[in-house]
């Protein structure tokens, strides 16, 4: 399964195999005090770091290591 990222440096969409991605979870506390969690996958392709924010369902379904 390939995951599609947008390469900002080269301004085009690229596909990365799911075996080469890592899962990341960004957590923060908002100004109002609530807790916010964002789920993402990261990859490195040709020396360019790629990040894509995904839904929790997709994040849970990926069999990738945590970064």
N, C-alpha and C. Protein backbone atom coordinates (compact mmCIF):
# COMPACT_ATOMS: atom_id res chain seq x y z
N UNK A 1 0.85 -1.19 0.00
CA UNK A 1 0.00 0.00 0.00
C UNK A 1 0.89 1.24 0.00
N UNK A 2 0.66 2.13 -0.91
CA UNK A 2 1.40 3.38 -0.98
C UNK A 2 0.61 4.50 -0.33
N UNK A 3 1.32 5.43 0.28
CA UNK A 3 0.69 6.60 0.89
C UNK A 3 1.12 7.82 0.08
N UNK A 4 0.17 8.65 -0.27
CA UNK A 4 0.46 9.81 -1.10
C UNK A 4 0.75 11.02 -0.23
N UNK A 5 1.88 11.66 -0.48
CA UNK A 5 2.30 12.88 0.21
C UNK A 5 2.39 13.99 -0.82
N UNK A 6 2.38 15.25 -0.34
CA UNK A 6 2.65 16.38 -1.22
C UNK A 6 4.05 16.87 -0.91
N UNK A 7 4.93 16.83 -1.90
CA UNK A 7 6.31 17.28 -1.76
C UNK A 7 6.33 18.79 -2.00
N UNK A 8 6.48 19.56 -0.92
CA UNK A 8 6.44 21.02 -1.02
C UNK A 8 7.65 21.55 -1.79
N UNK A 9 8.80 20.93 -1.58
CA UNK A 9 10.02 21.40 -2.24
C UNK A 9 9.94 21.27 -3.76
N UNK A 10 9.43 20.13 -4.23
CA UNK A 10 9.34 19.90 -5.68
C UNK A 10 7.97 20.19 -6.26
N UNK A 11 7.01 20.59 -5.40
CA UNK A 11 5.66 20.97 -5.80
C UNK A 11 4.94 19.89 -6.61
N UNK A 12 4.95 18.67 -6.07
CA UNK A 12 4.22 17.60 -6.73
C UNK A 12 3.85 16.53 -5.70
N UNK A 13 2.89 15.70 -6.07
CA UNK A 13 2.48 14.60 -5.20
C UNK A 13 3.42 13.42 -5.46
N UNK A 14 3.79 12.75 -4.37
CA UNK A 14 4.66 11.59 -4.47
C UNK A 14 4.05 10.44 -3.67
N UNK A 15 4.36 9.23 -4.06
CA UNK A 15 3.87 8.05 -3.33
C UNK A 15 5.04 7.38 -2.64
N UNK A 16 4.80 7.02 -1.37
CA UNK A 16 5.82 6.37 -0.56
C UNK A 16 5.24 5.04 -0.06
N UNK A 17 5.98 3.95 -0.15
CA UNK A 17 5.48 2.68 0.37
C UNK A 17 5.20 2.77 1.88
N UNK A 18 4.15 2.10 2.32
CA UNK A 18 3.77 2.15 3.73
C UNK A 18 4.85 1.58 4.63
N UNK A 19 5.73 0.77 4.10
CA UNK A 19 6.81 0.19 4.90
C UNK A 19 7.88 1.23 5.25
N UNK A 20 7.88 2.38 4.58
CA UNK A 20 8.90 3.40 4.81
C UNK A 20 8.38 4.60 5.61
N UNK A 21 7.18 4.51 6.15
CA UNK A 21 6.62 5.63 6.92
C UNK A 21 6.67 5.33 8.41
N UNK A 22 6.59 6.40 9.20
CA UNK A 22 6.53 6.29 10.65
C UNK A 22 5.32 7.07 11.14
N UNK A 23 4.68 6.55 12.19
CA UNK A 23 3.52 7.23 12.76
C UNK A 23 3.98 8.25 13.80
N UNK A 24 3.27 9.38 13.84
CA UNK A 24 3.56 10.44 14.80
C UNK A 24 2.26 10.94 15.39
N UNK A 25 2.30 11.26 16.69
CA UNK A 25 1.13 11.81 17.35
C UNK A 25 1.55 13.14 17.98
N UNK A 26 0.89 14.23 17.56
CA UNK A 26 1.16 15.55 18.11
C UNK A 26 0.08 15.90 19.12
N UNK A 27 0.49 16.15 20.36
CA UNK A 27 -0.47 16.48 21.41
C UNK A 27 -0.16 17.87 21.94
N UNK A 28 -1.22 18.63 22.23
CA UNK A 28 -1.03 19.96 22.80
C UNK A 28 -2.25 20.34 23.62
N UNK A 29 -2.06 21.34 24.47
CA UNK A 29 -3.15 21.89 25.26
C UNK A 29 -3.49 23.26 24.68
N UNK A 30 -4.75 23.48 24.36
CA UNK A 30 -5.17 24.74 23.76
C UNK A 30 -5.24 25.84 24.82
N UNK A 31 -5.45 27.06 24.36
CA UNK A 31 -5.55 28.19 25.29
C UNK A 31 -6.70 28.01 26.27
N UNK A 32 -7.78 27.38 25.81
CA UNK A 32 -8.95 27.19 26.68
C UNK A 32 -8.76 26.02 27.64
N UNK A 33 -7.65 25.28 27.52
CA UNK A 33 -7.35 24.20 28.44
C UNK A 33 -7.72 22.81 27.96
N UNK A 34 -8.34 22.69 26.79
CA UNK A 34 -8.70 21.36 26.29
C UNK A 34 -7.48 20.70 25.65
N UNK A 35 -7.55 19.40 25.54
CA UNK A 35 -6.45 18.60 25.01
C UNK A 35 -6.73 18.28 23.54
N UNK A 36 -5.75 18.54 22.66
CA UNK A 36 -5.92 18.29 21.23
C UNK A 36 -4.85 17.30 20.75
N UNK A 37 -5.26 16.34 19.96
CA UNK A 37 -4.35 15.34 19.41
C UNK A 37 -4.49 15.35 17.89
N UNK A 38 -3.35 15.42 17.19
CA UNK A 38 -3.32 15.32 15.73
C UNK A 38 -2.49 14.10 15.37
N UNK A 39 -2.95 13.36 14.37
CA UNK A 39 -2.27 12.14 13.94
C UNK A 39 -1.65 12.38 12.57
N UNK A 40 -0.41 11.90 12.40
CA UNK A 40 0.31 12.13 11.15
C UNK A 40 1.20 10.94 10.83
N UNK A 41 1.64 10.90 9.59
CA UNK A 41 2.66 9.95 9.16
C UNK A 41 3.79 10.76 8.55
N UNK A 42 5.02 10.30 8.79
CA UNK A 42 6.21 10.98 8.29
C UNK A 42 7.01 10.02 7.43
N UNK A 43 7.71 10.59 6.46
CA UNK A 43 8.58 9.79 5.60
C UNK A 43 9.72 10.66 5.10
N UNK A 44 10.76 10.02 4.57
CA UNK A 44 11.89 10.72 3.98
C UNK A 44 12.05 10.18 2.57
N UNK A 45 12.07 11.08 1.58
CA UNK A 45 12.19 10.67 0.19
C UNK A 45 13.17 11.60 -0.51
N UNK A 46 14.25 11.06 -1.01
CA UNK A 46 15.29 11.83 -1.71
C UNK A 46 15.79 13.00 -0.88
N UNK A 47 15.96 12.80 0.41
CA UNK A 47 16.47 13.85 1.29
C UNK A 47 15.45 14.89 1.70
N UNK A 48 14.19 14.71 1.34
CA UNK A 48 13.13 15.66 1.67
C UNK A 48 12.22 15.02 2.72
N UNK A 49 11.99 15.75 3.83
CA UNK A 49 11.09 15.26 4.87
C UNK A 49 9.65 15.52 4.45
N UNK A 50 8.82 14.50 4.58
CA UNK A 50 7.42 14.60 4.19
C UNK A 50 6.54 14.31 5.41
N UNK A 51 5.49 15.07 5.58
CA UNK A 51 4.53 14.86 6.67
C UNK A 51 3.13 14.95 6.09
N UNK A 52 2.26 14.04 6.54
CA UNK A 52 0.87 14.07 6.12
C UNK A 52 -0.01 13.82 7.34
N UNK A 53 -0.96 14.71 7.58
CA UNK A 53 -1.91 14.53 8.67
C UNK A 53 -3.02 13.60 8.19
N UNK A 54 -3.36 12.63 9.05
CA UNK A 54 -4.36 11.62 8.69
C UNK A 54 -5.39 11.49 9.80
N UNK A 55 -6.47 10.78 9.50
CA UNK A 55 -7.51 10.55 10.50
C UNK A 55 -7.02 9.51 11.52
N UNK A 56 -7.68 9.48 12.66
CA UNK A 56 -7.31 8.51 13.69
C UNK A 56 -7.53 7.09 13.20
N UNK A 57 -8.60 6.87 12.44
CA UNK A 57 -8.87 5.53 11.90
C UNK A 57 -7.75 5.05 10.98
N UNK A 58 -7.27 5.91 10.09
CA UNK A 58 -6.18 5.53 9.20
C UNK A 58 -4.90 5.32 10.00
N UNK A 59 -4.65 6.19 10.98
CA UNK A 59 -3.45 6.10 11.82
C UNK A 59 -3.44 4.78 12.59
N UNK A 60 -4.59 4.41 13.16
CA UNK A 60 -4.69 3.15 13.90
C UNK A 60 -4.54 1.95 12.98
N UNK A 61 -4.98 2.06 11.75
CA UNK A 61 -4.92 0.94 10.81
C UNK A 61 -3.54 0.70 10.21
N UNK A 62 -2.64 1.68 10.30
CA UNK A 62 -1.31 1.51 9.74
C UNK A 62 -0.44 0.64 10.63
N UNK A 63 0.29 -0.26 10.01
CA UNK A 63 1.24 -1.10 10.73
C UNK A 63 2.62 -0.50 10.53
N UNK A 64 2.87 0.64 11.19
CA UNK A 64 4.14 1.35 11.05
C UNK A 64 4.68 1.68 12.44
N UNK A 65 6.00 1.80 12.57
CA UNK A 65 6.56 2.13 13.89
C UNK A 65 6.31 3.60 14.26
N UNK A 66 6.33 3.86 15.56
CA UNK A 66 6.20 5.24 16.04
C UNK A 66 7.54 5.95 15.85
N UNK A 67 7.51 7.21 15.49
CA UNK A 67 8.73 7.99 15.30
C UNK A 67 9.25 8.49 16.63
